[in-house]
Amino acid sequence: MSRWDCTRPWAALLLPPLAWYVFEVGLGSILKVRCASVGNGLGLGWGVASIALCLLAMAIARPCAKRAGDQTPPRAWLSRVALLLAAIFALAIAFQTLAVMIVPPCVG
């Protein structure tokens, strides 16, 4: 078993929360400096990129969640948890991206 096979579930677990955190902090810091730029497609692009990272985490975790041959049961379980976590964070990012598109960025 390669080293990547051992770290695959952990990478899939850490990527979605990291993508969500960078989405939140990154857009928040840009909003404080120049709020008009967030409404001009930057918010949508950043949201799509963050959801793409969540989909990448799902693609990383899927082979370990299905494979049962030489891997330990905790690795398969961890991969299934990573799939669920990636879906939850992708949903959260999708709703927050929708909110960025609906609410004008310079309100308040």
N, C-alpha and C. Protein backbone atom coordinates (compact mmCIF):
# COMPACT_ATOMS: atom_id res chain seq x y z
N MET A 1 0.85 -1.18 0.00
CA MET A 1 0.00 0.00 0.00
C MET A 1 0.89 1.24 0.00
N SER A 2 0.60 2.14 -0.88
CA SER A 2 1.43 3.33 -1.01
C SER A 2 1.10 4.35 0.08
N ARG A 3 1.96 5.31 0.19
CA ARG A 3 1.75 6.37 1.19
C ARG A 3 0.52 7.20 0.85
N TRP A 4 0.26 7.41 -0.46
CA TRP A 4 -0.90 8.19 -0.88
C TRP A 4 -2.19 7.49 -0.46
N ASP A 5 -2.22 6.17 -0.53
CA ASP A 5 -3.41 5.43 -0.11
C ASP A 5 -3.68 5.61 1.37
N CYS A 6 -2.62 5.78 2.15
CA CYS A 6 -2.78 5.98 3.59
C CYS A 6 -3.25 7.39 3.93
N THR A 7 -2.81 8.37 3.15
CA THR A 7 -3.18 9.76 3.45
C THR A 7 -4.41 10.24 2.69
N ARG A 8 -4.89 9.45 1.76
CA ARG A 8 -6.04 9.84 0.93
C ARG A 8 -7.27 10.22 1.77
N PRO A 9 -7.71 9.41 2.74
CA PRO A 9 -8.89 9.80 3.52
C PRO A 9 -8.68 11.09 4.32
N TRP A 10 -7.47 11.28 4.82
CA TRP A 10 -7.20 12.51 5.60
C TRP A 10 -7.20 13.74 4.71
N ALA A 11 -6.66 13.62 3.51
CA ALA A 11 -6.69 14.74 2.57
C ALA A 11 -8.13 15.08 2.20
N ALA A 12 -8.94 14.05 1.99
CA ALA A 12 -10.35 14.27 1.65
C ALA A 12 -11.12 14.85 2.82
N LEU A 13 -10.71 14.56 4.03
CA LEU A 13 -11.37 15.13 5.21
C LEU A 13 -11.01 16.59 5.43
N LEU A 14 -9.78 16.96 5.14
CA LEU A 14 -9.32 18.32 5.44
C LEU A 14 -9.62 19.32 4.33
N LEU A 15 -9.76 18.87 3.11
CA LEU A 15 -9.95 19.79 1.98
C LEU A 15 -11.27 20.57 2.02
N PRO A 16 -12.44 19.96 2.28
CA PRO A 16 -13.68 20.75 2.28
C PRO A 16 -13.76 21.84 3.36
N PRO A 17 -13.38 21.56 4.63
CA PRO A 17 -13.42 22.67 5.60
C PRO A 17 -12.43 23.78 5.26
N LEU A 18 -11.29 23.39 4.69
CA LEU A 18 -10.32 24.40 4.29
C LEU A 18 -10.86 25.25 3.14
N ALA A 19 -11.53 24.62 2.17
CA ALA A 19 -12.13 25.36 1.06
C ALA A 19 -13.20 26.31 1.57
N TRP A 20 -14.02 25.84 2.51
CA TRP A 20 -15.07 26.70 3.07
C TRP A 20 -14.47 27.87 3.84
N TYR A 21 -13.43 27.61 4.63
CA TYR A 21 -12.80 28.67 5.43
C TYR A 21 -12.16 29.73 4.52
N VAL A 22 -11.47 29.29 3.48
CA VAL A 22 -10.86 30.25 2.55
C VAL A 22 -11.95 31.03 1.81
N PHE A 23 -13.05 30.38 1.49
CA PHE A 23 -14.18 31.07 0.86
C PHE A 23 -14.71 32.16 1.77
N GLU A 24 -14.95 31.82 3.03
CA GLU A 24 -15.50 32.78 3.99
C GLU A 24 -14.53 33.94 4.26
N VAL A 25 -13.32 33.61 4.64
CA VAL A 25 -12.35 34.64 5.03
C VAL A 25 -11.92 35.46 3.82
N GLY A 26 -11.73 34.79 2.69
CA GLY A 26 -11.29 35.49 1.49
C GLY A 26 -12.32 36.49 0.99
N LEU A 27 -13.57 36.05 0.87
CA LEU A 27 -14.60 36.99 0.43
C LEU A 27 -14.87 38.07 1.46
N GLY A 28 -14.79 37.72 2.74
CA GLY A 28 -15.00 38.71 3.79
C GLY A 28 -13.94 39.80 3.77
N SER A 29 -12.69 39.41 3.55
CA SER A 29 -11.62 40.41 3.52
C SER A 29 -11.71 41.28 2.27
N ILE A 30 -12.10 40.70 1.15
CA ILE A 30 -12.27 41.50 -0.07
C ILE A 30 -13.47 42.42 0.08
N LEU A 31 -14.51 41.95 0.75
CA LEU A 31 -15.71 42.76 0.96
C LEU A 31 -15.40 43.99 1.80
N LYS A 32 -14.50 43.87 2.77
CA LYS A 32 -14.13 45.01 3.61
C LYS A 32 -13.33 46.05 2.84
N VAL A 33 -12.49 45.59 1.90
CA VAL A 33 -11.64 46.52 1.15
C VAL A 33 -12.42 47.18 0.02
N ARG A 34 -13.04 46.37 -0.84
CA ARG A 34 -13.79 46.91 -1.98
C ARG A 34 -15.00 46.03 -2.21
N CYS A 35 -16.14 46.43 -1.69
CA CYS A 35 -17.33 45.58 -1.72
C CYS A 35 -17.91 45.41 -3.11
N ALA A 36 -17.74 46.37 -3.99
CA ALA A 36 -18.36 46.28 -5.31
C ALA A 36 -17.77 45.16 -6.16
N SER A 37 -16.52 44.79 -5.90
CA SER A 37 -15.88 43.76 -6.73
C SER A 37 -16.45 42.37 -6.46
N VAL A 38 -17.02 42.16 -5.28
CA VAL A 38 -17.58 40.85 -4.95
C VAL A 38 -18.83 40.57 -5.78
N GLY A 39 -19.62 41.58 -6.04
CA GLY A 39 -20.84 41.40 -6.81
C GLY A 39 -20.62 41.26 -8.30
N ASN A 40 -19.44 41.55 -8.79
CA ASN A 40 -19.17 41.51 -10.23
C ASN A 40 -18.64 40.16 -10.71
N GLY A 41 -19.09 39.08 -10.12
CA GLY A 41 -18.67 37.77 -10.57
C GLY A 41 -17.60 37.13 -9.73
N LEU A 42 -16.91 37.90 -8.92
CA LEU A 42 -15.86 37.33 -8.08
C LEU A 42 -16.45 36.38 -7.05
N GLY A 43 -17.58 36.75 -6.48
CA GLY A 43 -18.23 35.88 -5.50
C GLY A 43 -18.69 34.57 -6.11
N LEU A 44 -19.26 34.65 -7.30
CA LEU A 44 -19.71 33.44 -8.00
C LEU A 44 -18.52 32.56 -8.39
N GLY A 45 -17.48 33.17 -8.92
CA GLY A 45 -16.30 32.41 -9.32
C GLY A 45 -15.62 31.74 -8.13
N TRP A 46 -15.52 32.46 -7.03
CA TRP A 46 -14.90 31.91 -5.83
C TRP A 46 -15.74 30.77 -5.27
N GLY A 47 -17.05 30.94 -5.32
CA GLY A 47 -17.94 29.88 -4.85
C GLY A 47 -17.83 28.62 -5.71
N VAL A 48 -17.79 28.80 -7.02
CA VAL A 48 -17.67 27.65 -7.92
C VAL A 48 -16.33 26.95 -7.71
N ALA A 49 -15.26 27.72 -7.51
CA ALA A 49 -13.95 27.12 -7.25
C ALA A 49 -13.94 26.36 -5.93
N SER A 50 -14.60 26.89 -4.92
CA SER A 50 -14.66 26.21 -3.63
C SER A 50 -15.48 24.93 -3.71
N ILE A 51 -16.57 24.96 -4.46
CA ILE A 51 -17.36 23.74 -4.65
C ILE A 51 -16.55 22.72 -5.45
N ALA A 52 -15.76 23.19 -6.40
CA ALA A 52 -14.90 22.28 -7.17
C ALA A 52 -13.88 21.59 -6.26
N LEU A 53 -13.38 22.30 -5.26
CA LEU A 53 -12.46 21.67 -4.30
C LEU A 53 -13.18 20.60 -3.47
N CYS A 54 -14.44 20.86 -3.13
CA CYS A 54 -15.21 19.84 -2.41
C CYS A 54 -15.45 18.62 -3.30
N LEU A 55 -15.70 18.84 -4.58
CA LEU A 55 -15.87 17.72 -5.51
C LEU A 55 -14.56 16.96 -5.69
N LEU A 56 -13.44 17.67 -5.65
CA LEU A 56 -12.14 17.02 -5.71
C LEU A 56 -11.93 16.13 -4.48
N ALA A 57 -12.35 16.62 -3.32
CA ALA A 57 -12.24 15.81 -2.11
C ALA A 57 -13.10 14.56 -2.21
N MET A 58 -14.26 14.68 -2.81
CA MET A 58 -15.11 13.51 -3.01
C MET A 58 -14.45 12.52 -3.96
N ALA A 59 -13.81 13.03 -5.00
CA ALA A 59 -13.12 12.15 -5.94
C ALA A 59 -11.91 11.47 -5.30
N ILE A 60 -11.27 12.15 -4.37
CA ILE A 60 -10.14 11.55 -3.65
C ILE A 60 -10.63 10.45 -2.72
N ALA A 61 -11.75 10.66 -2.07
CA ALA A 61 -12.23 9.71 -1.05
C ALA A 61 -12.98 8.52 -1.64
N ARG A 62 -13.58 8.69 -2.80
CA ARG A 62 -14.45 7.64 -3.36
C ARG A 62 -13.74 6.29 -3.55
N PRO A 63 -12.53 6.22 -4.10
CA PRO A 63 -11.92 4.89 -4.28
C PRO A 63 -11.70 4.14 -2.96
N CYS A 64 -11.36 4.85 -1.92
CA CYS A 64 -11.13 4.20 -0.62
C CYS A 64 -12.44 3.77 0.02
N ALA A 65 -13.51 4.49 -0.24
CA ALA A 65 -14.80 4.14 0.36
C ALA A 65 -15.38 2.89 -0.28
N LYS A 66 -15.08 2.65 -1.53
CA LYS A 66 -15.62 1.49 -2.23
C LYS A 66 -14.73 0.26 -2.10
N ARG A 67 -13.43 0.46 -2.05
CA ARG A 67 -12.48 -0.64 -2.04
C ARG A 67 -12.43 -1.27 -0.65
N ALA A 68 -12.43 -2.56 -0.58
CA ALA A 68 -12.39 -3.25 0.71
C ALA A 68 -11.29 -4.29 0.78
N GLY A 69 -10.44 -4.40 -0.24
CA GLY A 69 -9.44 -5.46 -0.31
C GLY A 69 -8.39 -5.42 0.77
N ASP A 70 -7.34 -4.64 0.57
CA ASP A 70 -6.21 -4.65 1.49
C ASP A 70 -6.23 -3.50 2.49
N GLN A 71 -7.29 -2.74 2.54
CA GLN A 71 -7.32 -1.61 3.46
C GLN A 71 -7.99 -1.98 4.77
N THR A 72 -7.67 -1.22 5.78
CA THR A 72 -8.26 -1.47 7.09
C THR A 72 -9.67 -0.89 7.14
N PRO A 73 -10.55 -1.45 7.97
CA PRO A 73 -11.93 -0.92 8.06
C PRO A 73 -12.00 0.56 8.48
N PRO A 74 -11.13 1.04 9.36
CA PRO A 74 -11.22 2.48 9.69
C PRO A 74 -10.95 3.39 8.49
N ARG A 75 -10.09 2.97 7.57
CA ARG A 75 -9.80 3.81 6.40
C ARG A 75 -11.03 3.93 5.50
N ALA A 76 -11.76 2.84 5.32
CA ALA A 76 -12.99 2.89 4.52
C ALA A 76 -14.05 3.75 5.21
N TRP A 77 -14.15 3.61 6.52
CA TRP A 77 -15.12 4.40 7.27
C TRP A 77 -14.76 5.88 7.20
N LEU A 78 -13.48 6.19 7.34
CA LEU A 78 -13.03 7.57 7.27
C LEU A 78 -13.30 8.16 5.89
N SER A 79 -13.16 7.36 4.87
CA SER A 79 -13.45 7.83 3.51
C SER A 79 -14.93 8.11 3.32
N ARG A 80 -15.76 7.29 3.92
CA ARG A 80 -17.21 7.54 3.82
C ARG A 80 -17.60 8.81 4.57
N VAL A 81 -16.97 9.04 5.71
CA VAL A 81 -17.21 10.28 6.46
C VAL A 81 -16.74 11.48 5.63
N ALA A 82 -15.61 11.33 4.95
CA ALA A 82 -15.10 12.42 4.11
C ALA A 82 -16.06 12.73 2.96
N LEU A 83 -16.68 11.70 2.39
CA LEU A 83 -17.68 11.93 1.34
C LEU A 83 -18.86 12.74 1.87
N LEU A 84 -19.34 12.36 3.03
CA LEU A 84 -20.46 13.08 3.65
C LEU A 84 -20.07 14.51 3.99
N LEU A 85 -18.89 14.68 4.55
CA LEU A 85 -18.43 16.01 4.93
C LEU A 85 -18.26 16.91 3.71
N ALA A 86 -17.73 16.36 2.63
CA ALA A 86 -17.56 17.15 1.41
C ALA A 86 -18.91 17.58 0.85
N ALA A 87 -19.90 16.70 0.92
CA ALA A 87 -21.23 17.07 0.44
C ALA A 87 -21.85 18.17 1.30
N ILE A 88 -21.68 18.08 2.60
CA ILE A 88 -22.24 19.09 3.50
C ILE A 88 -21.58 20.45 3.27
N PHE A 89 -20.25 20.46 3.16
CA PHE A 89 -19.56 21.74 2.93
C PHE A 89 -19.86 22.29 1.54
N ALA A 90 -20.02 21.44 0.54
CA ALA A 90 -20.40 21.92 -0.79
C ALA A 90 -21.78 22.56 -0.77
N LEU A 91 -22.69 21.97 -0.01
CA LEU A 91 -24.03 22.55 0.13
C LEU A 91 -23.97 23.90 0.83
N ALA A 92 -23.17 23.99 1.89
CA ALA A 92 -23.02 25.26 2.60
C ALA A 92 -22.43 26.33 1.70
N ILE A 93 -21.41 25.98 0.95
CA ILE A 93 -20.79 26.94 0.03
C ILE A 93 -21.77 27.35 -1.07
N ALA A 94 -22.57 26.40 -1.54
CA ALA A 94 -23.55 26.73 -2.58
C ALA A 94 -24.58 27.72 -2.07
N PHE A 95 -25.08 27.52 -0.85
CA PHE A 95 -26.05 28.46 -0.29
C PHE A 95 -25.42 29.83 -0.03
N GLN A 96 -24.18 29.85 0.43
CA GLN A 96 -23.52 31.12 0.68
C GLN A 96 -23.21 31.85 -0.64
N THR A 97 -22.89 31.09 -1.68
CA THR A 97 -22.68 31.70 -2.99
C THR A 97 -23.98 32.28 -3.52
N LEU A 98 -25.07 31.56 -3.31
CA LEU A 98 -26.38 32.07 -3.71
C LEU A 98 -26.71 33.35 -2.95
N ALA A 99 -26.39 33.39 -1.67
CA ALA A 99 -26.62 34.60 -0.89
C ALA A 99 -25.77 35.77 -1.38
N VAL A 100 -24.55 35.49 -1.79
CA VAL A 100 -23.69 36.55 -2.34
C VAL A 100 -24.29 37.10 -3.62
N MET A 101 -24.93 36.23 -4.41
CA MET A 101 -25.49 36.69 -5.67
C MET A 101 -26.81 37.43 -5.48
N ILE A 102 -27.57 37.10 -4.41
CA ILE A 102 -28.88 37.71 -4.19
C ILE A 102 -28.75 39.07 -3.48
N VAL A 103 -27.99 39.10 -2.40
CA VAL A 103 -27.88 40.31 -1.58
C VAL A 103 -26.80 41.22 -2.19
N PRO A 104 -27.10 42.48 -2.40
CA PRO A 104 -26.08 43.39 -2.91
C PRO A 104 -24.90 43.49 -1.94
N PRO A 105 -23.66 43.45 -2.45
CA PRO A 105 -22.51 43.37 -1.56
C PRO A 105 -22.24 44.63 -0.74
N CYS A 106 -22.68 45.78 -1.19
CA CYS A 106 -22.36 47.01 -0.47
C CYS A 106 -23.48 47.47 0.46
N VAL A 107 -24.42 46.59 0.79
CA VAL A 107 -25.50 46.93 1.69
C VAL A 107 -24.97 46.93 3.11
N GLY A 108 -25.28 47.94 3.85
CA GLY A 108 -24.94 47.97 5.27
C GLY A 108 -23.70 48.67 5.52
